[in-house]
């Protein structure tokens, strides 16, 4: 018997993605940082994490695994990158 889908897993067709300790709806994601945060401040708690910018000017911070999983879920949710208008693949 297959286990029931729970809010804490990232399998199935859920529109939620777990980032840090939060379940984030994919439709709220505006962009995801390509490089880890670095500001040089001694007391910065976010260095090495990737910013995931949400609507309303909010951000959550993802480690590399969470960032990659979120990108993969967004691409799957949106159907992936399709052919360009001239029919060529990106």
Protein backbone atom coordinates (compact mmCIF):
# COMPACT_ATOMS: atom_id res chain seq x y z
CA UNK A 1 0.00 0.00 0.00
CA UNK A 2 1.36 3.44 -0.95
CA UNK A 3 1.67 6.00 1.83
CA UNK A 4 -0.78 8.86 1.72
CA UNK A 5 0.57 12.20 0.48
CA UNK A 6 1.32 14.44 3.43
CA UNK A 7 2.14 18.15 3.54
CA UNK A 8 5.70 17.32 4.65
CA UNK A 9 6.76 15.41 1.56
CA UNK A 10 7.61 16.79 -1.86
CA UNK A 11 6.27 13.93 -3.97
CA UNK A 12 3.20 13.92 -6.13
CA UNK A 13 1.56 16.91 -7.73
CA UNK A 14 1.47 19.26 -4.77
CA UNK A 15 1.74 22.97 -5.52
CA UNK A 16 3.63 23.33 -2.24
CA UNK A 17 7.39 23.18 -1.90
CA UNK A 18 9.18 22.94 1.42
CA UNK A 19 11.83 25.64 1.86
CA UNK A 20 13.53 25.83 5.23
CA UNK A 21 10.64 25.03 7.58
CA UNK A 22 7.91 26.52 5.40
CA UNK A 23 5.48 25.08 2.87
CA UNK A 24 5.56 27.66 0.06
CA UNK A 25 2.93 27.67 -2.71
CA UNK A 26 4.78 27.57 -6.04
CA UNK A 27 2.57 30.30 -7.50
CA UNK A 28 4.02 32.77 -4.95
CA UNK A 29 7.62 32.36 -6.18
CA UNK A 30 8.76 35.36 -8.24
CA UNK A 31 12.42 34.41 -8.71
CA UNK A 32 15.21 32.26 -7.23
CA UNK A 33 18.78 33.42 -6.75
CA UNK A 34 21.31 31.76 -9.05
CA UNK A 35 24.20 32.43 -6.68
CA UNK A 36 24.38 32.14 -2.91
CA UNK A 37 23.94 35.28 -0.83
CA UNK A 38 27.09 37.10 0.24
CA UNK A 39 27.02 40.53 1.85
CA UNK A 40 30.20 40.43 3.94
CA UNK A 41 28.46 41.42 7.18
CA UNK A 42 29.96 39.59 10.16
CA UNK A 43 26.59 38.80 11.71
CA UNK A 44 24.80 37.79 8.49
CA UNK A 45 22.84 34.58 9.00
CA UNK A 46 22.02 34.09 5.28
CA UNK A 47 25.44 33.80 3.67
CA UNK A 48 25.65 30.71 1.51
CA UNK A 49 21.86 30.44 1.16
CA UNK A 50 19.84 31.19 -1.97
CA UNK A 51 17.13 33.83 -1.85
CA UNK A 52 13.70 32.71 -3.02
CA UNK A 53 11.75 35.89 -3.65
CA UNK A 54 8.02 35.71 -3.07
CA UNK A 55 5.13 38.05 -3.79
CA UNK A 56 4.63 41.05 -1.52
CA UNK A 57 8.40 41.62 -1.20
CA UNK A 58 8.87 38.60 1.05
CA UNK A 59 11.81 36.20 0.83
CA UNK A 60 12.67 32.78 2.16
CA UNK A 61 16.15 31.30 2.13
CA UNK A 62 16.98 27.91 0.66
CA UNK A 63 20.03 25.69 0.84
CA UNK A 64 21.33 24.25 -2.45
CA UNK A 65 19.16 21.12 -2.28
CA UNK A 66 16.00 23.12 -1.52
CA UNK A 67 16.80 25.60 -4.30
CA UNK A 68 17.30 22.83 -6.88
CA UNK A 69 14.16 21.00 -5.76
CA UNK A 70 12.11 24.22 -5.96
CA UNK A 71 13.38 24.95 -9.48
CA UNK A 72 12.56 21.39 -10.57
CA UNK A 73 9.06 21.62 -9.08
CA UNK A 74 8.44 24.99 -10.77
CA UNK A 75 9.55 23.62 -14.14
CA UNK A 76 7.35 20.54 -13.75
CA UNK A 77 4.40 22.62 -12.55
CA UNK A 78 4.71 24.99 -15.51
CA UNK A 79 5.36 22.19 -17.99
CA UNK A 80 9.09 22.84 -18.34
CA UNK A 81 10.80 25.04 -20.89
CA UNK A 82 9.16 24.44 -24.21
CA UNK A 83 10.35 25.23 -27.72
CA UNK A 84 10.87 28.85 -28.66
CA UNK A 85 8.46 30.64 -30.98
CA UNK A 86 10.54 29.62 -33.99
CA UNK A 87 10.32 25.96 -32.92
CA UNK A 88 13.91 25.59 -31.74
CA UNK A 89 14.75 24.28 -28.28
CA UNK A 90 16.40 26.71 -25.87
